[in-house]
Amino acid sequence: MTAPPTAPSTAAPAAKPGLTHPCARCGAPVPLDVGLCERCNPLGLRDSSSSQVHGIAIAGVIAFVIFLAVVGRVALAGIGPFQAGLVGAATDGNGLAITLSVTNQGSNGGRTTCRVTDPADRTGNTGGYMLSPQIEAGQTVTFTGRVIELGAIVRPLAVECSSP
């Protein structure tokens, strides 16, 4: 038995759906130029323009950056300046064991990064960096660290510690 022949369809081809995105409240598909669907915005009120939405977002980011700057400034106030001196240096494998004495001349405790360089080096070598332990206000701490950037030859060195 064979199936009877079918008549060709006379219905119009389905319309291609336009580009959509989810409704901002319920997630129903809505056209790209609309923010809310009919169910969430039954009165057809105007949506916020994209420049308003982006302006609010940018203002929020700028306000947060300013807030972080103020908090950072308050948190770091009174730390340093730091006065540093080289106590000694000794060969330690392929580097130097450097002992520093650092005084916190500020009103709050903190840590500092000390840069140890060879003042006679004209090659552009930036030297080595050492992080100090916590130094309370008005206190002096002596500590030793290993620096390999200057090689293993003991020579006169310069040290400078920065405030945060």
N, C-alpha and C. Protein backbone atom coordinates (compact mmCIF):
# COMPACT_ATOMS: atom_id res chain seq x y z
N MET A 1 0.81 -1.16 0.00
CA MET A 1 0.00 0.00 0.00
C MET A 1 0.86 1.24 0.00
N THR A 2 0.46 2.15 -0.76
CA THR A 2 1.20 3.41 -0.83
C THR A 2 0.36 4.52 -0.23
N ALA A 3 1.04 5.52 0.30
CA ALA A 3 0.35 6.65 0.93
C ALA A 3 -0.22 7.55 -0.15
N PRO A 4 -1.38 8.14 0.13
CA PRO A 4 -1.95 9.04 -0.87
C PRO A 4 -1.08 10.28 -1.01
N PRO A 5 -1.00 10.83 -2.18
CA PRO A 5 -0.19 12.04 -2.37
C PRO A 5 -0.76 13.20 -1.56
N THR A 6 0.14 14.03 -1.04
CA THR A 6 -0.29 15.18 -0.24
C THR A 6 -0.24 16.42 -1.09
N ALA A 7 -1.17 17.31 -0.81
CA ALA A 7 -1.22 18.56 -1.55
C ALA A 7 -0.17 19.52 -0.99
N PRO A 8 0.46 20.30 -1.85
CA PRO A 8 1.44 21.27 -1.34
C PRO A 8 0.76 22.29 -0.43
N SER A 9 1.52 22.75 0.59
CA SER A 9 1.00 23.70 1.57
C SER A 9 0.85 25.06 0.93
N THR A 10 -0.26 25.74 1.23
CA THR A 10 -0.49 27.08 0.70
C THR A 10 -0.26 28.14 1.76
N ALA A 11 0.17 27.73 2.99
CA ALA A 11 0.41 28.71 4.06
C ALA A 11 1.67 29.52 3.76
N ALA A 12 1.65 30.75 4.18
CA ALA A 12 2.81 31.63 3.97
C ALA A 12 3.96 31.16 4.86
N PRO A 13 5.18 31.34 4.39
CA PRO A 13 6.32 30.93 5.22
C PRO A 13 6.35 31.75 6.51
N ALA A 14 6.82 31.11 7.59
CA ALA A 14 6.85 31.79 8.90
C ALA A 14 7.80 32.98 8.84
N ALA A 15 7.37 34.05 9.49
CA ALA A 15 8.20 35.26 9.52
C ALA A 15 9.42 35.00 10.40
N LYS A 16 10.54 35.50 9.95
CA LYS A 16 11.78 35.33 10.70
C LYS A 16 11.70 36.22 11.95
N PRO A 17 11.93 35.64 13.15
CA PRO A 17 11.83 36.46 14.36
C PRO A 17 12.96 37.48 14.41
N GLY A 18 12.64 38.66 14.94
CA GLY A 18 13.64 39.70 15.08
C GLY A 18 14.58 39.41 16.25
N LEU A 19 15.64 40.17 16.33
CA LEU A 19 16.59 40.00 17.44
C LEU A 19 15.93 40.45 18.74
N THR A 20 16.15 39.67 19.78
CA THR A 20 15.54 39.98 21.07
C THR A 20 16.57 39.85 22.18
N HIS A 21 16.19 40.32 23.34
CA HIS A 21 16.96 40.14 24.57
C HIS A 21 15.95 39.93 25.69
N PRO A 22 16.40 39.45 26.86
CA PRO A 22 15.44 39.20 27.94
C PRO A 22 14.93 40.50 28.56
N CYS A 23 13.67 40.47 28.99
CA CYS A 23 13.07 41.58 29.73
C CYS A 23 13.89 41.81 30.99
N ALA A 24 14.08 43.06 31.37
CA ALA A 24 14.91 43.39 32.53
C ALA A 24 14.33 42.85 33.84
N ARG A 25 13.03 42.61 33.91
CA ARG A 25 12.41 42.13 35.16
C ARG A 25 12.13 40.64 35.14
N CYS A 26 11.46 40.15 34.09
CA CYS A 26 11.00 38.76 34.11
C CYS A 26 11.76 37.84 33.17
N GLY A 27 12.51 38.37 32.23
CA GLY A 27 13.29 37.54 31.32
C GLY A 27 12.59 37.15 30.04
N ALA A 28 11.35 37.60 29.82
CA ALA A 28 10.63 37.28 28.58
C ALA A 28 11.34 37.96 27.41
N PRO A 29 11.33 37.34 26.23
CA PRO A 29 12.02 37.97 25.09
C PRO A 29 11.30 39.25 24.65
N VAL A 30 12.08 40.31 24.46
CA VAL A 30 11.56 41.60 23.99
C VAL A 30 12.49 42.12 22.91
N PRO A 31 12.01 43.01 22.02
CA PRO A 31 12.89 43.57 20.98
C PRO A 31 14.06 44.33 21.61
N LEU A 32 15.11 44.49 20.83
CA LEU A 32 16.32 45.13 21.33
C LEU A 32 16.12 46.56 21.81
N ASP A 33 15.17 47.28 21.22
CA ASP A 33 14.98 48.67 21.59
C ASP A 33 14.00 48.86 22.76
N VAL A 34 13.59 47.76 23.40
CA VAL A 34 12.65 47.81 24.52
C VAL A 34 13.30 47.16 25.72
N GLY A 35 13.09 47.72 26.91
CA GLY A 35 13.70 47.16 28.12
C GLY A 35 12.78 46.22 28.87
N LEU A 36 11.46 46.52 28.86
CA LEU A 36 10.50 45.73 29.63
C LEU A 36 9.41 45.20 28.70
N CYS A 37 8.89 44.01 29.01
CA CYS A 37 7.81 43.42 28.21
C CYS A 37 6.47 44.09 28.56
N GLU A 38 5.42 43.73 27.84
CA GLU A 38 4.08 44.29 28.08
C GLU A 38 3.56 43.95 29.47
N ARG A 39 3.87 42.77 29.96
CA ARG A 39 3.40 42.35 31.28
C ARG A 39 4.08 43.19 32.38
N CYS A 40 5.36 43.51 32.23
CA CYS A 40 6.07 44.27 33.26
C CYS A 40 5.89 45.78 33.11
N ASN A 41 5.49 46.24 31.94
CA ASN A 41 5.28 47.66 31.69
C ASN A 41 3.95 47.84 30.96
N PRO A 42 2.82 47.56 31.65
CA PRO A 42 1.52 47.57 30.96
C PRO A 42 1.10 48.95 30.46
N LEU A 43 1.60 50.02 31.06
CA LEU A 43 1.20 51.37 30.62
C LEU A 43 2.07 51.87 29.47
N GLY A 44 3.10 51.12 29.11
CA GLY A 44 3.95 51.53 28.00
C GLY A 44 4.81 52.73 28.32
N LEU A 45 5.17 52.89 29.59
CA LEU A 45 6.02 54.01 29.97
C LEU A 45 7.38 53.90 29.31
N ARG A 46 8.00 55.06 29.07
CA ARG A 46 9.31 55.07 28.41
C ARG A 46 10.36 54.40 29.29
N ASP A 47 11.26 53.66 28.66
CA ASP A 47 12.38 53.06 29.36
C ASP A 47 13.47 54.11 29.57
N SER A 48 14.37 53.81 30.48
CA SER A 48 15.54 54.68 30.65
C SER A 48 16.39 54.59 29.39
N SER A 49 16.95 55.70 29.01
CA SER A 49 17.81 55.66 27.83
C SER A 49 19.14 55.00 28.20
N SER A 50 19.82 54.48 27.22
CA SER A 50 21.10 53.79 27.48
C SER A 50 22.13 54.77 28.03
N SER A 51 22.06 56.04 27.63
CA SER A 51 23.03 57.00 28.16
C SER A 51 22.78 57.25 29.65
N GLN A 52 21.50 57.21 30.08
CA GLN A 52 21.21 57.36 31.51
C GLN A 52 21.75 56.16 32.29
N VAL A 53 21.53 54.98 31.78
CA VAL A 53 21.97 53.77 32.47
C VAL A 53 23.49 53.74 32.55
N HIS A 54 24.17 54.02 31.44
CA HIS A 54 25.63 54.00 31.43
C HIS A 54 26.19 55.14 32.28
N GLY A 55 25.54 56.28 32.27
CA GLY A 55 26.00 57.40 33.10
C GLY A 55 25.94 57.07 34.58
N ILE A 56 24.87 56.41 35.00
CA ILE A 56 24.75 56.01 36.41
C ILE A 56 25.83 55.00 36.76
N ALA A 57 26.10 54.05 35.87
CA ALA A 57 27.14 53.04 36.12
C ALA A 57 28.52 53.70 36.21
N ILE A 58 28.82 54.60 35.31
CA ILE A 58 30.12 55.27 35.32
C ILE A 58 30.26 56.14 36.57
N ALA A 59 29.20 56.84 36.94
CA ALA A 59 29.25 57.66 38.16
C ALA A 59 29.49 56.77 39.39
N GLY A 60 28.89 55.59 39.42
CA GLY A 60 29.12 54.66 40.53
C GLY A 60 30.56 54.19 40.60
N VAL A 61 31.15 53.88 39.45
CA VAL A 61 32.55 53.45 39.42
C VAL A 61 33.46 54.58 39.87
N ILE A 62 33.23 55.79 39.40
CA ILE A 62 34.06 56.94 39.80
C ILE A 62 33.93 57.20 41.30
N ALA A 63 32.72 57.13 41.83
CA ALA A 63 32.51 57.34 43.27
C ALA A 63 33.24 56.26 44.08
N PHE A 64 33.24 55.02 43.60
CA PHE A 64 33.93 53.94 44.32
C PHE A 64 35.44 54.13 44.29
N VAL A 65 35.99 54.57 43.16
CA VAL A 65 37.43 54.83 43.07
C VAL A 65 37.82 55.95 44.03
N ILE A 66 37.02 56.99 44.11
CA ILE A 66 37.30 58.08 45.05
C ILE A 66 37.22 57.57 46.48
N PHE A 67 36.22 56.74 46.78
CA PHE A 67 36.09 56.15 48.11
C PHE A 67 37.33 55.33 48.46
N LEU A 68 37.81 54.50 47.54
CA LEU A 68 39.01 53.69 47.79
C LEU A 68 40.24 54.57 48.01
N ALA A 69 40.36 55.66 47.27
CA ALA A 69 41.50 56.56 47.44
C ALA A 69 41.48 57.19 48.83
N VAL A 70 40.32 57.61 49.28
CA VAL A 70 40.21 58.21 50.62
C VAL A 70 40.52 57.18 51.70
N VAL A 71 39.97 55.98 51.58
CA VAL A 71 40.23 54.92 52.56
C VAL A 71 41.72 54.57 52.57
N GLY A 72 42.33 54.45 51.41
CA GLY A 72 43.75 54.16 51.32
C GLY A 72 44.60 55.25 51.94
N ARG A 73 44.24 56.48 51.70
CA ARG A 73 44.99 57.60 52.26
C ARG A 73 44.91 57.61 53.79
N VAL A 74 43.71 57.36 54.32
CA VAL A 74 43.54 57.32 55.77
C VAL A 74 44.31 56.15 56.37
N ALA A 75 44.28 55.00 55.69
CA ALA A 75 44.96 53.81 56.21
C ALA A 75 46.47 53.97 56.22
N LEU A 76 47.02 54.72 55.28
CA LEU A 76 48.46 54.86 55.17
C LEU A 76 49.01 56.14 55.81
N ALA A 77 48.15 56.98 56.33
CA ALA A 77 48.60 58.24 56.91
C ALA A 77 49.47 57.99 58.13
N GLY A 78 50.56 58.70 58.23
CA GLY A 78 51.43 58.62 59.39
C GLY A 78 52.48 57.54 59.33
N ILE A 79 52.52 56.75 58.28
CA ILE A 79 53.53 55.71 58.15
C ILE A 79 54.73 56.32 57.42
N GLY A 80 55.89 56.27 58.08
CA GLY A 80 57.11 56.81 57.48
C GLY A 80 57.18 58.30 57.67
N PRO A 81 58.24 58.93 57.26
CA PRO A 81 59.32 58.43 56.42
C PRO A 81 60.22 57.46 57.18
N PHE A 82 60.99 56.69 56.41
CA PHE A 82 61.88 55.69 56.96
C PHE A 82 63.33 56.09 56.70
N GLN A 83 64.13 56.02 57.73
CA GLN A 83 65.56 56.29 57.62
C GLN A 83 66.26 54.94 57.64
N ALA A 84 67.09 54.65 56.63
CA ALA A 84 67.73 53.33 56.53
C ALA A 84 69.24 53.47 56.48
N GLY A 85 69.89 52.44 56.99
CA GLY A 85 71.34 52.37 56.94
C GLY A 85 71.78 50.94 56.69
N LEU A 86 72.89 50.78 55.98
CA LEU A 86 73.44 49.47 55.69
C LEU A 86 74.32 49.05 56.86
N VAL A 87 74.00 47.94 57.49
CA VAL A 87 74.79 47.43 58.61
C VAL A 87 75.92 46.55 58.09
N GLY A 88 75.63 45.72 57.11
CA GLY A 88 76.65 44.83 56.56
C GLY A 88 76.14 44.04 55.39
N ALA A 89 77.10 43.44 54.65
CA ALA A 89 76.77 42.59 53.52
C ALA A 89 77.77 41.45 53.50
N ALA A 90 77.33 40.26 53.16
CA ALA A 90 78.19 39.08 53.08
C ALA A 90 77.74 38.24 51.90
N THR A 91 78.71 37.53 51.31
CA THR A 91 78.40 36.64 50.20
C THR A 91 77.50 35.51 50.70
N ASP A 92 76.45 35.22 49.91
CA ASP A 92 75.51 34.16 50.26
C ASP A 92 75.14 33.42 48.98
N GLY A 93 75.92 32.41 48.62
CA GLY A 93 75.69 31.67 47.38
C GLY A 93 75.93 32.57 46.18
N ASN A 94 74.90 32.71 45.33
CA ASN A 94 75.03 33.57 44.15
C ASN A 94 74.52 34.98 44.40
N GLY A 95 74.34 35.35 45.66
CA GLY A 95 73.85 36.68 46.00
C GLY A 95 74.53 37.22 47.23
N LEU A 96 73.90 38.21 47.84
CA LEU A 96 74.42 38.85 49.04
C LEU A 96 73.38 38.77 50.16
N ALA A 97 73.86 38.49 51.37
CA ALA A 97 73.03 38.60 52.56
C ALA A 97 73.26 40.00 53.09
N ILE A 98 72.24 40.83 53.01
CA ILE A 98 72.38 42.24 53.37
C ILE A 98 71.61 42.51 54.65
N THR A 99 72.28 43.17 55.59
CA THR A 99 71.65 43.52 56.86
C THR A 99 71.40 45.02 56.87
N LEU A 100 70.14 45.42 57.12
CA LEU A 100 69.75 46.82 57.15
C LEU A 100 69.22 47.19 58.52
N SER A 101 69.38 48.46 58.87
CA SER A 101 68.79 49.03 60.06
C SER A 101 67.85 50.13 59.60
N VAL A 102 66.56 50.00 59.92
CA VAL A 102 65.56 50.94 59.42
C VAL A 102 64.79 51.54 60.59
N THR A 103 64.63 52.87 60.58
CA THR A 103 63.89 53.58 61.61
C THR A 103 62.64 54.19 61.00
N ASN A 104 61.49 53.96 61.65
CA ASN A 104 60.22 54.56 61.23
C ASN A 104 60.09 55.89 61.95
N GLN A 105 60.18 56.98 61.22
CA GLN A 105 60.08 58.31 61.80
C GLN A 105 58.65 58.85 61.78
N GLY A 106 57.69 58.03 61.42
CA GLY A 106 56.30 58.46 61.35
C GLY A 106 55.57 58.27 62.67
N SER A 107 54.26 58.54 62.65
CA SER A 107 53.44 58.43 63.85
C SER A 107 52.64 57.13 63.92
N ASN A 108 52.71 56.29 62.89
CA ASN A 108 52.03 54.99 62.86
C ASN A 108 53.01 53.92 62.40
N GLY A 109 52.78 52.69 62.83
CA GLY A 109 53.61 51.57 62.41
C GLY A 109 53.33 51.18 60.99
N GLY A 110 54.30 50.51 60.37
CA GLY A 110 54.11 50.05 59.00
C GLY A 110 55.33 49.31 58.49
N ARG A 111 55.25 48.90 57.24
CA ARG A 111 56.35 48.22 56.56
C ARG A 111 56.82 49.10 55.43
N THR A 112 58.05 48.87 54.99
CA THR A 112 58.59 49.64 53.89
C THR A 112 59.35 48.73 52.95
N THR A 113 59.55 49.19 51.73
CA THR A 113 60.37 48.49 50.76
C THR A 113 61.66 49.27 50.60
N CYS A 114 62.78 48.58 50.81
CA CYS A 114 64.09 49.21 50.70
C CYS A 114 64.77 48.76 49.42
N ARG A 115 65.35 49.72 48.71
CA ARG A 115 66.06 49.44 47.46
C ARG A 115 67.56 49.52 47.74
N VAL A 116 68.26 48.46 47.44
CA VAL A 116 69.71 48.39 47.65
C VAL A 116 70.37 48.46 46.28
N THR A 117 71.27 49.42 46.10
CA THR A 117 71.93 49.61 44.81
C THR A 117 73.43 49.75 44.99
N ASP A 118 74.14 49.60 43.89
CA ASP A 118 75.57 49.84 43.85
C ASP A 118 75.76 51.22 43.23
N PRO A 119 76.20 52.22 44.02
CA PRO A 119 76.32 53.58 43.47
C PRO A 119 77.35 53.68 42.35
N ALA A 120 78.28 52.75 42.28
CA ALA A 120 79.30 52.79 41.23
C ALA A 120 78.84 52.12 39.94
N ASP A 121 77.72 51.42 39.97
CA ASP A 121 77.22 50.70 38.80
C ASP A 121 76.56 51.68 37.84
N ARG A 122 77.07 51.77 36.63
CA ARG A 122 76.52 52.68 35.60
C ARG A 122 75.83 51.92 34.47
N THR A 123 75.47 50.65 34.73
CA THR A 123 74.86 49.83 33.68
C THR A 123 73.34 49.94 33.66
N GLY A 124 72.76 50.63 34.60
CA GLY A 124 71.31 50.75 34.66
C GLY A 124 70.67 49.66 35.50
N ASN A 125 71.47 48.86 36.21
CA ASN A 125 70.93 47.83 37.10
C ASN A 125 70.11 48.52 38.19
N THR A 126 68.86 48.12 38.34
CA THR A 126 67.98 48.78 39.32
C THR A 126 68.25 48.33 40.74
N GLY A 127 69.10 47.33 40.93
CA GLY A 127 69.43 46.86 42.27
C GLY A 127 68.43 45.84 42.77
N GLY A 128 68.48 45.60 44.07
CA GLY A 128 67.60 44.62 44.68
C GLY A 128 66.66 45.29 45.67
N TYR A 129 65.56 44.61 45.96
CA TYR A 129 64.55 45.16 46.87
C TYR A 129 64.38 44.22 48.06
N MET A 130 64.18 44.83 49.22
CA MET A 130 63.95 44.08 50.46
C MET A 130 62.74 44.66 51.16
N LEU A 131 61.86 43.80 51.65
CA LEU A 131 60.68 44.23 52.39
C LEU A 131 60.98 44.12 53.87
N SER A 132 60.77 45.20 54.59
CA SER A 132 61.06 45.20 56.02
C SER A 132 59.96 44.50 56.80
N PRO A 133 60.27 44.07 58.01
CA PRO A 133 59.19 43.61 58.89
C PRO A 133 58.40 44.82 59.39
N GLN A 134 57.35 44.60 60.16
CA GLN A 134 56.56 45.69 60.74
C GLN A 134 57.46 46.52 61.64
N ILE A 135 57.43 47.83 61.46
CA ILE A 135 58.22 48.76 62.28
C ILE A 135 57.26 49.74 62.93
N GLU A 136 57.18 49.71 64.24
CA GLU A 136 56.28 50.61 64.96
C GLU A 136 56.83 52.04 64.91
N ALA A 137 55.96 53.02 65.16
CA ALA A 137 56.35 54.43 65.12
C ALA A 137 57.50 54.71 66.06
N GLY A 138 58.53 55.38 65.55
CA GLY A 138 59.69 55.76 66.35
C GLY A 138 60.65 54.63 66.65
N GLN A 139 60.40 53.43 66.17
CA GLN A 139 61.25 52.27 66.46
C GLN A 139 62.26 52.02 65.34
N THR A 140 63.34 51.33 65.69
CA THR A 140 64.36 50.92 64.74
C THR A 140 64.41 49.40 64.73
N VAL A 141 64.45 48.82 63.54
CA VAL A 141 64.51 47.37 63.37
C VAL A 141 65.70 47.04 62.49
N THR A 142 66.46 46.03 62.88
CA THR A 142 67.57 45.52 62.08
C THR A 142 67.15 44.16 61.55
N PHE A 143 67.29 43.95 60.24
CA PHE A 143 66.89 42.69 59.61
C PHE A 143 67.83 42.36 58.46
N THR A 144 67.85 41.09 58.09
CA THR A 144 68.72 40.62 57.02
C THR A 144 67.87 39.99 55.92
N GLY A 145 68.26 40.28 54.69
CA GLY A 145 67.58 39.70 53.53
C GLY A 145 68.59 39.31 52.48
N ARG A 146 68.16 38.48 51.54
CA ARG A 146 69.05 38.00 50.48
C ARG A 146 68.68 38.70 49.18
N VAL A 147 69.71 39.23 48.49
CA VAL A 147 69.52 39.92 47.22
C VAL A 147 70.45 39.27 46.21
N ILE A 148 69.89 38.80 45.09
CA ILE A 148 70.73 38.18 44.06
C ILE A 148 70.96 39.10 42.87
N GLU A 149 70.21 40.20 42.77
CA GLU A 149 70.32 41.10 41.62
C GLU A 149 71.66 41.83 41.56
N LEU A 150 72.38 41.90 42.67
CA LEU A 150 73.65 42.63 42.71
C LEU A 150 74.86 41.70 42.60
N GLY A 151 74.62 40.42 42.42
CA GLY A 151 75.72 39.47 42.33
C GLY A 151 76.20 39.06 43.72
N ALA A 152 77.39 38.42 43.77
CA ALA A 152 77.90 37.87 45.03
C ALA A 152 79.15 38.57 45.51
N ILE A 153 79.53 39.67 44.92
CA ILE A 153 80.74 40.40 45.31
C ILE A 153 80.36 41.48 46.32
N VAL A 154 80.99 41.44 47.49
CA VAL A 154 80.73 42.45 48.53
C VAL A 154 81.44 43.74 48.11
N ARG A 155 80.71 44.84 48.13
CA ARG A 155 81.24 46.17 47.75
C ARG A 155 80.40 47.22 48.44
N PRO A 156 80.79 48.49 48.37
CA PRO A 156 79.97 49.54 48.98
C PRO A 156 78.60 49.61 48.30
N LEU A 157 77.55 49.66 49.10
CA LEU A 157 76.19 49.70 48.60
C LEU A 157 75.44 50.88 49.18
N ALA A 158 74.40 51.33 48.48
CA ALA A 158 73.53 52.40 48.94
C ALA A 158 72.16 51.80 49.18
N VAL A 159 71.44 52.34 50.18
CA VAL A 159 70.10 51.85 50.50
C VAL A 159 69.16 53.03 50.66
N GLU A 160 67.96 52.84 50.16
CA GLU A 160 66.91 53.88 50.27
C GLU A 160 65.59 53.18 50.51
N CYS A 161 64.88 53.59 51.55
CA CYS A 161 63.57 53.01 51.87
C CYS A 161 62.48 54.03 51.59
N SER A 162 61.41 53.58 50.95
CA SER A 162 60.34 54.49 50.55
C SER A 162 59.16 54.40 51.51
N SER A 163 58.45 55.49 51.62
CA SER A 163 57.20 55.51 52.38
C SER A 163 56.09 55.08 51.46
N PRO A 164 55.02 54.46 52.00
CA PRO A 164 53.91 54.02 51.14
C PRO A 164 53.21 55.19 50.49
